[in-house]
Amino acid sequence: MDIQATLARVKRWSRDELAARVAADIPDGAVVNLGIGLPTAVANHFGAGKEVMLHSENGVIGMGPAPTPGQEDFDLINAGKQPVTLLPGGCFFHHADSFAMMRGGHLDVCVLGAFQVAVTGDLANWHTGAPDAIPAVGGAMDLAIGAKQTWVMMDYLTKDGRAKLVEACSYPLTGLGCVSRLYTDLAVIDLAQGQARVVALAEGLSLADLQAMTPGVTLLPKA
């Protein structure tokens, strides 16, 4: 398969389009942690009629969208050291209390980035295993197993065209069987009982196209 030829005719979802999809799927009233990187954009896409309580592992809850340029307060940041806003009722607190929330099962959803996700829901997002790579686990292990649902946002393919959805992760694992949904630039995929079910495809991409990019994993159509 000529992956580049296929991608040339596909209208891949942008970072903001993907973030909007995630935000739309988060239920009203949920307590949510948005991981470092791509997931942070989700905070900018909640409509005025939806109340979501955003948590950050460095000790903040009740965050709003990113501040407007010039209005940043660099004493008020998320876990990725990005300035954030605080909604009415929001607060900040000790790091240990934040991890108690994560480990105690008080988060409804966490949204994380990933290097690889296995069809079984295993997550690898802290280290590629390369000798010169800088490992950065942070609170990802606590989030992955502590949240009631763990979702992943990532590009579907690596820079050299390999699928990040795999039969089994080759990178060091963050958590076992924890990921239930993938949001990627090419597709949204549910993972359950060792199966991968495609629930949405980017415009111009067929299930057969995606399957050809994903060796070792059988992709099922939307139920």
N, C-alpha and C. Protein backbone atom coordinates (compact mmCIF):
# COMPACT_ATOMS: atom_id res chain seq x y z
N MET A 1 0.84 -1.20 0.00
CA MET A 1 0.00 0.00 0.00
C MET A 1 0.87 1.25 0.00
N ASP A 2 0.50 2.22 -0.82
CA ASP A 2 1.19 3.51 -0.83
C ASP A 2 0.50 4.42 0.18
N ILE A 3 1.04 4.46 1.41
CA ILE A 3 0.40 5.21 2.49
C ILE A 3 0.35 6.70 2.16
N GLN A 4 1.41 7.23 1.59
CA GLN A 4 1.44 8.66 1.29
C GLN A 4 0.38 9.04 0.26
N ALA A 5 0.15 8.18 -0.73
CA ALA A 5 -0.88 8.43 -1.74
C ALA A 5 -2.26 8.43 -1.09
N THR A 6 -2.47 7.50 -0.16
CA THR A 6 -3.76 7.44 0.55
C THR A 6 -3.96 8.69 1.40
N LEU A 7 -2.92 9.08 2.14
CA LEU A 7 -3.04 10.26 3.01
C LEU A 7 -3.26 11.54 2.22
N ALA A 8 -2.77 11.58 0.99
CA ALA A 8 -2.90 12.78 0.17
C ALA A 8 -4.35 13.08 -0.17
N ARG A 9 -5.21 12.05 -0.17
CA ARG A 9 -6.63 12.28 -0.48
C ARG A 9 -7.52 12.29 0.76
N VAL A 10 -6.91 12.19 1.92
CA VAL A 10 -7.68 12.16 3.16
C VAL A 10 -7.65 13.54 3.82
N LYS A 11 -8.80 13.96 4.31
CA LYS A 11 -8.88 15.21 5.06
C LYS A 11 -8.72 14.87 6.54
N ARG A 12 -7.47 14.82 6.97
CA ARG A 12 -7.20 14.44 8.36
C ARG A 12 -7.71 15.51 9.32
N TRP A 13 -8.17 15.07 10.49
CA TRP A 13 -8.65 16.01 11.50
C TRP A 13 -7.47 16.78 12.09
N SER A 14 -7.65 18.07 12.23
CA SER A 14 -6.64 18.92 12.85
C SER A 14 -6.65 18.72 14.35
N ARG A 15 -5.66 19.28 15.01
CA ARG A 15 -5.60 19.22 16.47
C ARG A 15 -6.87 19.78 17.10
N ASP A 16 -7.35 20.93 16.60
CA ASP A 16 -8.54 21.53 17.18
C ASP A 16 -9.80 20.72 16.86
N GLU A 17 -9.89 20.18 15.66
CA GLU A 17 -11.04 19.34 15.31
C GLU A 17 -11.09 18.09 16.17
N LEU A 18 -9.93 17.51 16.42
CA LEU A 18 -9.86 16.32 17.26
C LEU A 18 -10.23 16.67 18.70
N ALA A 19 -9.71 17.79 19.19
CA ALA A 19 -10.02 18.22 20.56
C ALA A 19 -11.51 18.48 20.72
N ALA A 20 -12.14 19.05 19.70
CA ALA A 20 -13.58 19.31 19.75
C ALA A 20 -14.36 18.00 19.82
N ARG A 21 -13.90 16.97 19.12
CA ARG A 21 -14.56 15.66 19.18
C ARG A 21 -14.48 15.08 20.59
N VAL A 22 -13.31 15.19 21.19
CA VAL A 22 -13.16 14.68 22.56
C VAL A 22 -14.07 15.45 23.51
N ALA A 23 -14.05 16.77 23.41
CA ALA A 23 -14.87 17.60 24.30
C ALA A 23 -16.34 17.27 24.17
N ALA A 24 -16.80 17.00 22.95
CA ALA A 24 -18.21 16.67 22.74
C ALA A 24 -18.60 15.35 23.39
N ASP A 25 -17.63 14.42 23.51
CA ASP A 25 -17.92 13.10 24.08
C ASP A 25 -17.81 13.05 25.60
N ILE A 26 -17.23 14.06 26.21
CA ILE A 26 -17.12 14.10 27.67
C ILE A 26 -18.47 14.50 28.26
N PRO A 27 -19.03 13.71 29.16
CA PRO A 27 -20.37 14.01 29.67
C PRO A 27 -20.40 15.21 30.60
N ASP A 28 -21.53 15.87 30.64
CA ASP A 28 -21.74 17.01 31.52
C ASP A 28 -21.52 16.58 32.97
N GLY A 29 -20.81 17.40 33.73
CA GLY A 29 -20.57 17.11 35.14
C GLY A 29 -19.37 16.24 35.43
N ALA A 30 -18.63 15.83 34.39
CA ALA A 30 -17.49 14.94 34.58
C ALA A 30 -16.30 15.67 35.18
N VAL A 31 -15.51 14.92 35.96
CA VAL A 31 -14.22 15.40 36.45
C VAL A 31 -13.16 14.78 35.55
N VAL A 32 -12.33 15.62 34.92
CA VAL A 32 -11.49 15.18 33.81
C VAL A 32 -10.06 15.68 33.98
N ASN A 33 -9.10 14.83 33.68
CA ASN A 33 -7.69 15.23 33.62
C ASN A 33 -7.26 15.21 32.16
N LEU A 34 -6.66 16.30 31.70
CA LEU A 34 -6.13 16.39 30.34
C LEU A 34 -4.61 16.31 30.40
N GLY A 35 -4.04 15.29 29.78
CA GLY A 35 -2.60 15.08 29.84
C GLY A 35 -1.82 16.12 29.08
N ILE A 36 -0.50 16.09 29.25
CA ILE A 36 0.41 17.02 28.60
C ILE A 36 0.38 16.82 27.09
N GLY A 37 0.52 17.91 26.35
CA GLY A 37 0.58 17.84 24.89
C GLY A 37 -0.78 18.01 24.24
N LEU A 38 -1.06 17.17 23.26
CA LEU A 38 -2.28 17.27 22.47
C LEU A 38 -3.56 17.37 23.31
N PRO A 39 -3.73 16.60 24.38
CA PRO A 39 -5.00 16.67 25.14
C PRO A 39 -5.32 18.03 25.74
N THR A 40 -4.33 18.89 25.97
CA THR A 40 -4.62 20.17 26.62
C THR A 40 -5.56 21.03 25.78
N ALA A 41 -5.59 20.83 24.46
CA ALA A 41 -6.45 21.62 23.59
C ALA A 41 -7.93 21.36 23.84
N VAL A 42 -8.26 20.24 24.47
CA VAL A 42 -9.67 19.90 24.74
C VAL A 42 -10.33 20.98 25.60
N ALA A 43 -9.57 21.60 26.50
CA ALA A 43 -10.12 22.60 27.42
C ALA A 43 -10.74 23.79 26.71
N ASN A 44 -10.35 24.01 25.46
CA ASN A 44 -10.84 25.18 24.72
C ASN A 44 -12.14 24.91 23.96
N HIS A 45 -12.70 23.70 24.11
CA HIS A 45 -13.82 23.32 23.24
C HIS A 45 -15.08 22.89 23.99
N PHE A 46 -15.18 23.21 25.24
CA PHE A 46 -16.43 22.92 25.95
C PHE A 46 -17.40 24.08 25.73
N GLY A 47 -18.62 23.74 25.33
CA GLY A 47 -19.63 24.77 25.10
C GLY A 47 -20.09 25.38 26.41
N ALA A 48 -20.73 26.54 26.29
CA ALA A 48 -21.19 27.27 27.48
C ALA A 48 -22.20 26.48 28.29
N GLY A 49 -22.91 25.56 27.65
CA GLY A 49 -23.94 24.80 28.36
C GLY A 49 -23.44 23.55 29.06
N LYS A 50 -22.16 23.26 28.96
CA LYS A 50 -21.62 22.03 29.57
C LYS A 50 -20.68 22.39 30.72
N GLU A 51 -20.87 21.74 31.85
CA GLU A 51 -20.01 21.96 33.00
C GLU A 51 -19.10 20.75 33.19
N VAL A 52 -17.81 20.96 32.97
CA VAL A 52 -16.79 19.92 33.16
C VAL A 52 -15.75 20.46 34.11
N MET A 53 -15.38 19.68 35.11
CA MET A 53 -14.39 20.10 36.08
C MET A 53 -13.03 19.53 35.69
N LEU A 54 -12.13 20.41 35.27
CA LEU A 54 -10.82 19.98 34.79
C LEU A 54 -9.80 19.95 35.93
N HIS A 55 -9.10 18.83 36.02
CA HIS A 55 -8.10 18.58 37.07
C HIS A 55 -6.72 18.51 36.43
N SER A 56 -5.71 19.03 37.12
CA SER A 56 -4.32 18.90 36.68
C SER A 56 -3.51 18.29 37.81
N GLU A 57 -2.61 17.37 37.46
CA GLU A 57 -1.91 16.59 38.48
C GLU A 57 -0.99 17.42 39.37
N ASN A 58 -0.63 18.64 38.92
CA ASN A 58 0.24 19.46 39.75
C ASN A 58 -0.54 20.18 40.86
N GLY A 59 -1.87 19.97 40.91
CA GLY A 59 -2.65 20.48 42.03
C GLY A 59 -3.60 21.60 41.70
N VAL A 60 -4.38 21.45 40.63
CA VAL A 60 -5.38 22.45 40.24
C VAL A 60 -6.65 21.72 39.86
N ILE A 61 -7.79 22.28 40.23
CA ILE A 61 -9.06 21.75 39.75
C ILE A 61 -9.99 22.93 39.46
N GLY A 62 -10.79 22.79 38.41
CA GLY A 62 -11.67 23.88 38.02
C GLY A 62 -11.05 24.81 37.00
N MET A 63 -10.18 24.27 36.14
CA MET A 63 -9.53 25.10 35.11
C MET A 63 -10.51 25.43 34.00
N GLY A 64 -10.26 26.59 33.37
CA GLY A 64 -11.02 26.99 32.20
C GLY A 64 -10.18 26.90 30.95
N PRO A 65 -10.57 27.61 29.89
CA PRO A 65 -9.77 27.60 28.65
C PRO A 65 -8.46 28.34 28.82
N ALA A 66 -7.61 28.22 27.82
CA ALA A 66 -6.31 28.92 27.85
C ALA A 66 -6.54 30.43 27.95
N PRO A 67 -5.68 31.15 28.66
CA PRO A 67 -5.84 32.61 28.77
C PRO A 67 -5.58 33.29 27.43
N THR A 68 -6.18 34.46 27.26
CA THR A 68 -5.91 35.24 26.06
C THR A 68 -4.49 35.79 26.12
N PRO A 69 -3.85 36.00 24.99
CA PRO A 69 -2.48 36.55 24.99
C PRO A 69 -2.39 37.84 25.79
N GLY A 70 -1.39 37.90 26.65
CA GLY A 70 -1.21 39.06 27.50
C GLY A 70 -1.87 38.95 28.86
N GLN A 71 -2.73 37.93 29.03
CA GLN A 71 -3.44 37.74 30.29
C GLN A 71 -2.92 36.53 31.07
N GLU A 72 -1.79 35.98 30.66
CA GLU A 72 -1.25 34.79 31.32
C GLU A 72 -0.76 35.09 32.73
N ASP A 73 -0.99 34.17 33.64
CA ASP A 73 -0.43 34.23 34.99
C ASP A 73 0.44 32.98 35.15
N PHE A 74 1.74 33.15 35.11
CA PHE A 74 2.64 32.00 35.10
C PHE A 74 2.82 31.37 36.48
N ASP A 75 2.11 31.88 37.48
CA ASP A 75 1.99 31.19 38.76
C ASP A 75 0.80 30.24 38.74
N LEU A 76 -0.01 30.28 37.69
CA LEU A 76 -1.18 29.40 37.57
C LEU A 76 -1.01 28.60 36.28
N ILE A 77 -0.49 27.38 36.41
CA ILE A 77 -0.13 26.57 35.25
C ILE A 77 -0.67 25.15 35.40
N ASN A 78 -0.71 24.43 34.28
CA ASN A 78 -1.07 23.02 34.32
C ASN A 78 0.20 22.17 34.42
N ALA A 79 0.05 20.85 34.33
CA ALA A 79 1.19 19.95 34.51
C ALA A 79 2.22 20.10 33.40
N GLY A 80 1.81 20.66 32.27
CA GLY A 80 2.75 20.89 31.17
C GLY A 80 3.38 22.26 31.21
N LYS A 81 3.22 22.97 32.34
CA LYS A 81 3.77 24.31 32.56
C LYS A 81 3.16 25.36 31.64
N GLN A 82 1.97 25.10 31.13
CA GLN A 82 1.24 26.08 30.33
C GLN A 82 0.34 26.92 31.23
N PRO A 83 0.27 28.22 31.03
CA PRO A 83 -0.65 29.03 31.83
C PRO A 83 -2.09 28.65 31.56
N VAL A 84 -2.91 28.64 32.60
CA VAL A 84 -4.32 28.28 32.48
C VAL A 84 -5.17 29.36 33.15
N THR A 85 -6.47 29.24 32.98
CA THR A 85 -7.40 30.10 33.71
C THR A 85 -8.11 29.27 34.75
N LEU A 86 -8.70 29.94 35.72
CA LEU A 86 -9.43 29.26 36.79
C LEU A 86 -10.87 29.76 36.77
N LEU A 87 -11.81 28.84 36.67
CA LEU A 87 -13.22 29.20 36.67
C LEU A 87 -13.70 29.49 38.09
N PRO A 88 -14.84 30.17 38.26
CA PRO A 88 -15.38 30.40 39.60
C PRO A 88 -15.55 29.07 40.35
N GLY A 89 -15.05 29.02 41.57
CA GLY A 89 -15.09 27.79 42.36
C GLY A 89 -13.87 26.92 42.21
N GLY A 90 -13.00 27.24 41.24
CA GLY A 90 -11.77 26.46 41.06
C GLY A 90 -10.77 26.75 42.17
N CYS A 91 -9.81 25.85 42.35
CA CYS A 91 -8.82 26.05 43.42
C CYS A 91 -7.54 25.29 43.09
N PHE A 92 -6.50 25.57 43.88
CA PHE A 92 -5.25 24.84 43.75
C PHE A 92 -4.83 24.35 45.13
N PHE A 93 -4.02 23.29 45.17
CA PHE A 93 -3.78 22.57 46.42
C PHE A 93 -2.50 21.75 46.30
N HIS A 94 -2.17 21.03 47.35
CA HIS A 94 -0.92 20.27 47.44
C HIS A 94 -0.88 19.15 46.39
N HIS A 95 0.33 18.93 45.87
CA HIS A 95 0.56 17.87 44.89
C HIS A 95 0.09 16.51 45.41
N ALA A 96 0.33 16.22 46.67
CA ALA A 96 -0.06 14.93 47.24
C ALA A 96 -1.58 14.75 47.22
N ASP A 97 -2.31 15.83 47.48
CA ASP A 97 -3.77 15.74 47.43
C ASP A 97 -4.25 15.47 46.00
N SER A 98 -3.55 16.04 45.04
CA SER A 98 -3.91 15.82 43.65
C SER A 98 -3.73 14.35 43.27
N PHE A 99 -2.63 13.75 43.71
CA PHE A 99 -2.41 12.34 43.40
C PHE A 99 -3.37 11.44 44.17
N ALA A 100 -3.82 11.87 45.34
CA ALA A 100 -4.83 11.12 46.06
C ALA A 100 -6.14 11.09 45.28
N MET A 101 -6.47 12.19 44.63
CA MET A 101 -7.66 12.23 43.77
C MET A 101 -7.51 11.24 42.62
N MET A 102 -6.33 11.22 42.01
CA MET A 102 -6.09 10.35 40.87
C MET A 102 -6.13 8.88 41.28
N ARG A 103 -5.44 8.55 42.35
CA ARG A 103 -5.34 7.15 42.77
C ARG A 103 -6.61 6.66 43.45
N GLY A 104 -7.41 7.58 43.94
CA GLY A 104 -8.63 7.21 44.67
C GLY A 104 -9.84 6.98 43.80
N GLY A 105 -9.69 7.08 42.49
CA GLY A 105 -10.81 6.82 41.59
C GLY A 105 -11.79 7.96 41.46
N HIS A 106 -11.31 9.19 41.68
CA HIS A 106 -12.21 10.35 41.66
C HIS A 106 -12.29 11.04 40.30
N LEU A 107 -11.52 10.56 39.33
CA LEU A 107 -11.57 11.14 37.98
C LEU A 107 -12.46 10.28 37.09
N ASP A 108 -13.38 10.93 36.40
CA ASP A 108 -14.26 10.19 35.48
C ASP A 108 -13.53 9.83 34.19
N VAL A 109 -12.74 10.74 33.67
CA VAL A 109 -12.04 10.53 32.40
C VAL A 109 -10.65 11.16 32.49
N CYS A 110 -9.64 10.47 31.96
CA CYS A 110 -8.37 11.13 31.70
C CYS A 110 -8.08 10.97 30.21
N VAL A 111 -7.49 11.99 29.62
CA VAL A 111 -7.15 11.98 28.20
C VAL A 111 -5.64 12.15 28.09
N LEU A 112 -4.97 11.14 27.54
CA LEU A 112 -3.52 11.11 27.51
C LEU A 112 -3.00 11.00 26.08
N GLY A 113 -1.76 11.40 25.87
CA GLY A 113 -1.07 11.12 24.62
C GLY A 113 -0.44 9.74 24.70
N ALA A 114 0.09 9.25 23.57
CA ALA A 114 0.68 7.91 23.58
C ALA A 114 1.69 7.74 22.46
N PHE A 115 2.68 6.88 22.72
CA PHE A 115 3.58 6.41 21.67
C PHE A 115 2.99 5.19 20.97
N GLN A 116 2.36 4.32 21.76
CA GLN A 116 1.71 3.11 21.25
C GLN A 116 0.52 2.77 22.12
N VAL A 117 -0.50 2.16 21.50
CA VAL A 117 -1.62 1.56 22.24
C VAL A 117 -1.87 0.19 21.63
N ALA A 118 -1.98 -0.83 22.48
CA ALA A 118 -2.27 -2.17 21.99
C ALA A 118 -3.77 -2.37 21.87
N VAL A 119 -4.17 -3.29 21.00
CA VAL A 119 -5.58 -3.57 20.80
C VAL A 119 -6.25 -4.03 22.10
N THR A 120 -5.46 -4.55 23.03
CA THR A 120 -5.96 -4.97 24.33
C THR A 120 -6.17 -3.80 25.29
N GLY A 121 -5.80 -2.59 24.86
CA GLY A 121 -5.92 -1.42 25.72
C GLY A 121 -4.67 -1.08 26.51
N ASP A 122 -3.58 -1.85 26.31
CA ASP A 122 -2.32 -1.51 26.98
C ASP A 122 -1.80 -0.18 26.44
N LEU A 123 -1.19 0.61 27.33
CA LEU A 123 -0.73 1.95 26.99
C LEU A 123 0.78 2.07 27.18
N ALA A 124 1.45 2.66 26.20
CA ALA A 124 2.88 3.00 26.31
C ALA A 124 3.02 4.47 25.95
N ASN A 125 3.29 5.30 26.95
CA ASN A 125 3.36 6.74 26.65
C ASN A 125 4.44 7.50 27.42
N TRP A 126 5.36 6.78 28.07
CA TRP A 126 6.36 7.50 28.86
C TRP A 126 7.78 7.31 28.38
N HIS A 127 8.04 6.33 27.52
CA HIS A 127 9.41 6.06 27.12
C HIS A 127 9.39 5.20 25.86
N THR A 128 10.21 5.54 24.89
CA THR A 128 10.28 4.72 23.68
C THR A 128 11.29 3.58 23.81
N GLY A 129 12.06 3.60 24.90
CA GLY A 129 13.08 2.59 25.06
C GLY A 129 14.37 2.92 24.36
N ALA A 130 14.39 3.99 23.56
CA ALA A 130 15.62 4.38 22.85
C ALA A 130 16.67 4.85 23.85
N PRO A 131 17.94 4.54 23.62
CA PRO A 131 18.98 4.86 24.60
C PRO A 131 19.16 6.36 24.86
N ASP A 132 18.82 7.21 23.87
CA ASP A 132 19.01 8.64 24.06
C ASP A 132 17.70 9.36 24.38
N ALA A 133 16.60 8.61 24.55
CA ALA A 133 15.30 9.22 24.85
C ALA A 133 15.24 9.60 26.32
N ILE A 134 14.51 10.67 26.60
CA ILE A 134 14.34 11.12 27.98
C ILE A 134 13.00 10.61 28.51
N PRO A 135 13.01 9.67 29.45
CA PRO A 135 11.73 9.16 29.98
C PRO A 135 10.99 10.23 30.76
N ALA A 136 9.67 10.22 30.65
CA ALA A 136 8.87 11.26 31.31
C ALA A 136 7.54 10.68 31.74
N VAL A 137 7.56 9.84 32.77
CA VAL A 137 6.31 9.18 33.18
C VAL A 137 5.38 10.14 33.90
N GLY A 138 5.90 11.08 34.70
CA GLY A 138 5.03 12.00 35.43
C GLY A 138 3.96 11.24 36.21
N GLY A 139 2.71 11.66 36.06
CA GLY A 139 1.60 10.98 36.74
C GLY A 139 0.82 10.07 35.83
N ALA A 140 1.37 9.73 34.66
CA ALA A 140 0.61 8.96 33.67
C ALA A 140 0.18 7.60 34.19
N MET A 141 1.05 6.92 34.94
CA MET A 141 0.67 5.60 35.46
C MET A 141 -0.49 5.71 36.43
N ASP A 142 -0.45 6.71 37.29
CA ASP A 142 -1.52 6.91 38.26
C ASP A 142 -2.83 7.25 37.55
N LEU A 143 -2.74 8.11 36.52
CA LEU A 143 -3.94 8.50 35.78
C LEU A 143 -4.51 7.31 35.01
N ALA A 144 -3.65 6.55 34.35
CA ALA A 144 -4.11 5.48 33.47
C ALA A 144 -4.92 4.42 34.23
N ILE A 145 -4.52 4.14 35.45
CA ILE A 145 -5.24 3.10 36.21
C ILE A 145 -6.22 3.69 37.21
N GLY A 146 -6.10 4.98 37.51
CA GLY A 146 -6.97 5.58 38.51
C GLY A 146 -8.26 6.15 37.96
N ALA A 147 -8.24 6.62 36.71
CA ALA A 147 -9.44 7.20 36.11
C ALA A 147 -10.43 6.10 35.74
N LYS A 148 -11.71 6.45 35.78
CA LYS A 148 -12.73 5.48 35.41
C LYS A 148 -12.68 5.14 33.93
N GLN A 149 -12.29 6.10 33.10
CA GLN A 149 -12.07 5.86 31.68
C GLN A 149 -10.78 6.54 31.25
N THR A 150 -9.98 5.84 30.45
CA THR A 150 -8.76 6.42 29.91
C THR A 150 -8.88 6.47 28.40
N TRP A 151 -8.82 7.69 27.87
CA TRP A 151 -8.85 7.91 26.42
C TRP A 151 -7.48 8.40 25.97
N VAL A 152 -7.16 8.14 24.71
CA VAL A 152 -5.87 8.57 24.15
C VAL A 152 -6.10 9.44 22.93
N MET A 153 -5.34 10.53 22.84
CA MET A 153 -5.28 11.37 21.64
C MET A 153 -3.87 11.25 21.06
N MET A 154 -3.78 10.95 19.76
CA MET A 154 -2.46 10.81 19.15
C MET A 154 -2.59 10.81 17.63
N ASP A 155 -1.49 11.02 16.92
CA ASP A 155 -1.46 10.77 15.49
C ASP A 155 -1.56 9.27 15.29
N TYR A 156 -2.25 8.86 14.22
CA TYR A 156 -2.41 7.42 13.99
C TYR A 156 -1.10 6.76 13.57
N LEU A 157 -0.28 7.50 12.85
CA LEU A 157 0.97 6.95 12.32
C LEU A 157 2.18 7.66 12.89
N THR A 158 3.27 6.93 13.00
CA THR A 158 4.55 7.54 13.34
C THR A 158 5.07 8.31 12.13
N LYS A 159 6.16 9.04 12.31
CA LYS A 159 6.73 9.82 11.20
C LYS A 159 7.18 8.93 10.05
N ASP A 160 7.51 7.67 10.35
CA ASP A 160 7.92 6.77 9.26
C ASP A 160 6.78 5.87 8.79
N GLY A 161 5.55 6.23 9.14
CA GLY A 161 4.39 5.56 8.56
C GLY A 161 3.92 4.29 9.24
N ARG A 162 4.36 4.03 10.46
CA ARG A 162 3.91 2.84 11.18
C ARG A 162 2.74 3.19 12.10
N ALA A 163 1.76 2.31 12.17
CA ALA A 163 0.59 2.54 13.02
C ALA A 163 0.99 2.49 14.49
N LYS A 164 0.44 3.41 15.27
CA LYS A 164 0.67 3.41 16.72
C LYS A 164 -0.30 2.48 17.44
N LEU A 165 -1.37 2.06 16.74
CA LEU A 165 -2.25 1.01 17.26
C LEU A 165 -1.64 -0.31 16.84
N VAL A 166 -1.28 -1.13 17.82
CA VAL A 166 -0.50 -2.35 17.54
C VAL A 166 -1.12 -3.56 18.23
N GLU A 167 -0.66 -4.73 17.80
CA GLU A 167 -1.11 -5.97 18.44
C GLU A 167 -0.60 -6.05 19.87
N ALA A 168 0.66 -5.69 20.07
CA ALA A 168 1.27 -5.67 21.40
C ALA A 168 2.31 -4.56 21.42
N CYS A 169 2.35 -3.80 22.49
CA CYS A 169 3.29 -2.68 22.59
C CYS A 169 4.73 -3.18 22.65
N SER A 170 5.60 -2.54 21.92
CA SER A 170 7.03 -2.85 22.00
C SER A 170 7.77 -1.88 22.90
N TYR A 171 7.13 -0.80 23.30
CA TYR A 171 7.72 0.18 24.21
C TYR A 171 7.37 -0.16 25.65
N PRO A 172 8.11 0.37 26.63
CA PRO A 172 7.78 0.12 28.04
C PRO A 172 6.35 0.57 28.35
N LEU A 173 5.63 -0.24 29.10
CA LEU A 173 4.22 0.02 29.35
C LEU A 173 3.98 1.02 30.47
N THR A 174 2.93 1.80 30.29
CA THR A 174 2.44 2.70 31.32
C THR A 174 1.34 2.03 32.13
N GLY A 175 0.45 1.32 31.45
CA GLY A 175 -0.66 0.64 32.12
C GLY A 175 -1.18 -0.50 31.25
N LEU A 176 -1.79 -1.49 31.90
CA LEU A 176 -2.33 -2.66 31.22
C LEU A 176 -3.84 -2.54 31.06
N GLY A 177 -4.32 -2.77 29.85
CA GLY A 177 -5.76 -2.84 29.60
C GLY A 177 -6.55 -1.64 30.04
N CYS A 178 -5.96 -0.47 29.99
CA CYS A 178 -6.60 0.72 30.56
C CYS A 178 -7.28 1.62 29.53
N VAL A 179 -6.88 1.56 28.27
CA VAL A 179 -7.39 2.49 27.25
C VAL A 179 -8.69 1.94 26.65
N SER A 180 -9.73 2.75 26.65
CA SER A 180 -11.01 2.32 26.09
C SER A 180 -11.35 3.03 24.78
N ARG A 181 -10.70 4.17 24.49
CA ARG A 181 -11.00 4.87 23.24
C ARG A 181 -9.77 5.61 22.73
N LEU A 182 -9.58 5.58 21.40
CA LEU A 182 -8.52 6.31 20.72
C LEU A 182 -9.12 7.41 19.85
N TYR A 183 -8.57 8.61 19.97
CA TYR A 183 -8.90 9.71 19.08
C TYR A 183 -7.64 10.03 18.29
N THR A 184 -7.69 9.85 16.99
CA THR A 184 -6.52 10.10 16.16
C THR A 184 -6.91 11.01 14.98
N ASP A 185 -5.90 11.45 14.24
CA ASP A 185 -6.15 12.31 13.09
C ASP A 185 -6.84 11.59 11.95
N LEU A 186 -6.88 10.25 12.00
CA LEU A 186 -7.50 9.46 10.93
C LEU A 186 -8.78 8.77 11.34
N ALA A 187 -8.93 8.45 12.62
CA ALA A 187 -10.10 7.67 13.05
C ALA A 187 -10.29 7.76 14.55
N VAL A 188 -11.52 7.48 14.96
CA VAL A 188 -11.85 7.30 16.37
C VAL A 188 -12.17 5.82 16.54
N ILE A 189 -11.54 5.19 17.51
CA ILE A 189 -11.62 3.73 17.66
C ILE A 189 -11.90 3.37 19.11
N ASP A 190 -12.89 2.51 19.32
CA ASP A 190 -13.18 1.97 20.64
C ASP A 190 -12.42 0.66 20.83
N LEU A 191 -11.84 0.49 22.02
CA LEU A 191 -11.13 -0.75 22.37
C LEU A 191 -11.87 -1.43 23.51
N ALA A 192 -12.27 -2.67 23.29
CA ALA A 192 -12.97 -3.42 24.33
C ALA A 192 -12.84 -4.91 24.06
N GLN A 193 -12.56 -5.68 25.10
CA GLN A 193 -12.49 -7.14 25.01
C GLN A 193 -11.52 -7.60 23.91
N GLY A 194 -10.40 -6.89 23.78
CA GLY A 194 -9.39 -7.28 22.82
C GLY A 194 -9.74 -6.98 21.38
N GLN A 195 -10.78 -6.15 21.16
CA GLN A 195 -11.20 -5.81 19.81
C GLN A 195 -11.10 -4.31 19.59
N ALA A 196 -10.87 -3.93 18.33
CA ALA A 196 -10.81 -2.52 17.94
C ALA A 196 -11.95 -2.24 16.98
N ARG A 197 -12.86 -1.35 17.39
CA ARG A 197 -14.03 -1.04 16.57
C ARG A 197 -13.97 0.42 16.14
N VAL A 198 -13.96 0.65 14.83
CA VAL A 198 -13.84 2.00 14.28
C VAL A 198 -15.20 2.68 14.32
N VAL A 199 -15.31 3.79 15.04
CA VAL A 199 -16.58 4.48 15.18
C VAL A 199 -16.67 5.74 14.31
N ALA A 200 -15.55 6.23 13.80
CA ALA A 200 -15.56 7.38 12.90
C ALA A 200 -14.27 7.38 12.09
N LEU A 201 -14.38 7.80 10.84
CA LEU A 201 -13.24 7.86 9.93
C LEU A 201 -13.13 9.27 9.34
N ALA A 202 -11.92 9.74 9.15
CA ALA A 202 -11.71 11.03 8.50
C ALA A 202 -12.22 10.96 7.06
N GLU A 203 -12.64 12.10 6.55
CA GLU A 203 -13.19 12.17 5.20
C GLU A 203 -12.15 11.70 4.17
N GLY A 204 -12.60 10.80 3.28
CA GLY A 204 -11.72 10.29 2.23
C GLY A 204 -11.02 9.01 2.59
N LEU A 205 -11.20 8.53 3.82
CA LEU A 205 -10.54 7.30 4.28
C LEU A 205 -11.57 6.20 4.47
N SER A 206 -11.29 5.02 3.96
CA SER A 206 -12.17 3.87 4.14
C SER A 206 -11.63 2.96 5.23
N LEU A 207 -12.48 2.08 5.71
CA LEU A 207 -12.03 1.10 6.70
C LEU A 207 -10.94 0.22 6.12
N ALA A 208 -11.07 -0.12 4.84
CA ALA A 208 -10.04 -0.94 4.18
C ALA A 208 -8.70 -0.21 4.13
N ASP A 209 -8.74 1.11 3.87
CA ASP A 209 -7.51 1.90 3.87
C ASP A 209 -6.84 1.84 5.24
N LEU A 210 -7.63 2.06 6.28
CA LEU A 210 -7.08 2.08 7.64
C LEU A 210 -6.54 0.70 8.02
N GLN A 211 -7.28 -0.34 7.62
CA GLN A 211 -6.82 -1.70 7.91
C GLN A 211 -5.47 -1.98 7.26
N ALA A 212 -5.28 -1.49 6.05
CA ALA A 212 -4.01 -1.72 5.35
C ALA A 212 -2.85 -1.03 6.05
N MET A 213 -3.13 0.03 6.82
CA MET A 213 -2.09 0.74 7.56
C MET A 213 -1.80 0.09 8.92
N THR A 214 -2.63 -0.91 9.30
CA THR A 214 -2.60 -1.40 10.68
C THR A 214 -2.34 -2.90 10.72
N PRO A 215 -1.14 -3.34 10.43
CA PRO A 215 -0.85 -4.78 10.41
C PRO A 215 -0.95 -5.38 11.82
N GLY A 216 -1.46 -6.60 11.87
CA GLY A 216 -1.52 -7.32 13.14
C GLY A 216 -2.75 -7.03 13.97
N VAL A 217 -3.56 -6.07 13.56
CA VAL A 217 -4.76 -5.71 14.31
C VAL A 217 -5.96 -5.76 13.36
N THR A 218 -7.00 -6.48 13.73
CA THR A 218 -8.23 -6.52 12.94
C THR A 218 -9.13 -5.39 13.37
N LEU A 219 -9.48 -4.53 12.41
CA LEU A 219 -10.35 -3.39 12.70
C LEU A 219 -11.78 -3.75 12.33
N LEU A 220 -12.68 -3.58 13.26
CA LEU A 220 -14.09 -3.92 13.04
C LEU A 220 -14.87 -2.64 12.74
N PRO A 221 -15.95 -2.76 11.95
CA PRO A 221 -16.77 -1.58 11.67
C PRO A 221 -17.63 -1.20 12.86
N LYS A 222 -18.15 0.01 12.81
CA LYS A 222 -19.06 0.51 13.85
C LYS A 222 -20.24 -0.44 13.99
N ALA A 223 -20.60 -0.76 15.22
CA ALA A 223 -21.71 -1.69 15.46
C ALA A 223 -23.03 -1.09 15.00
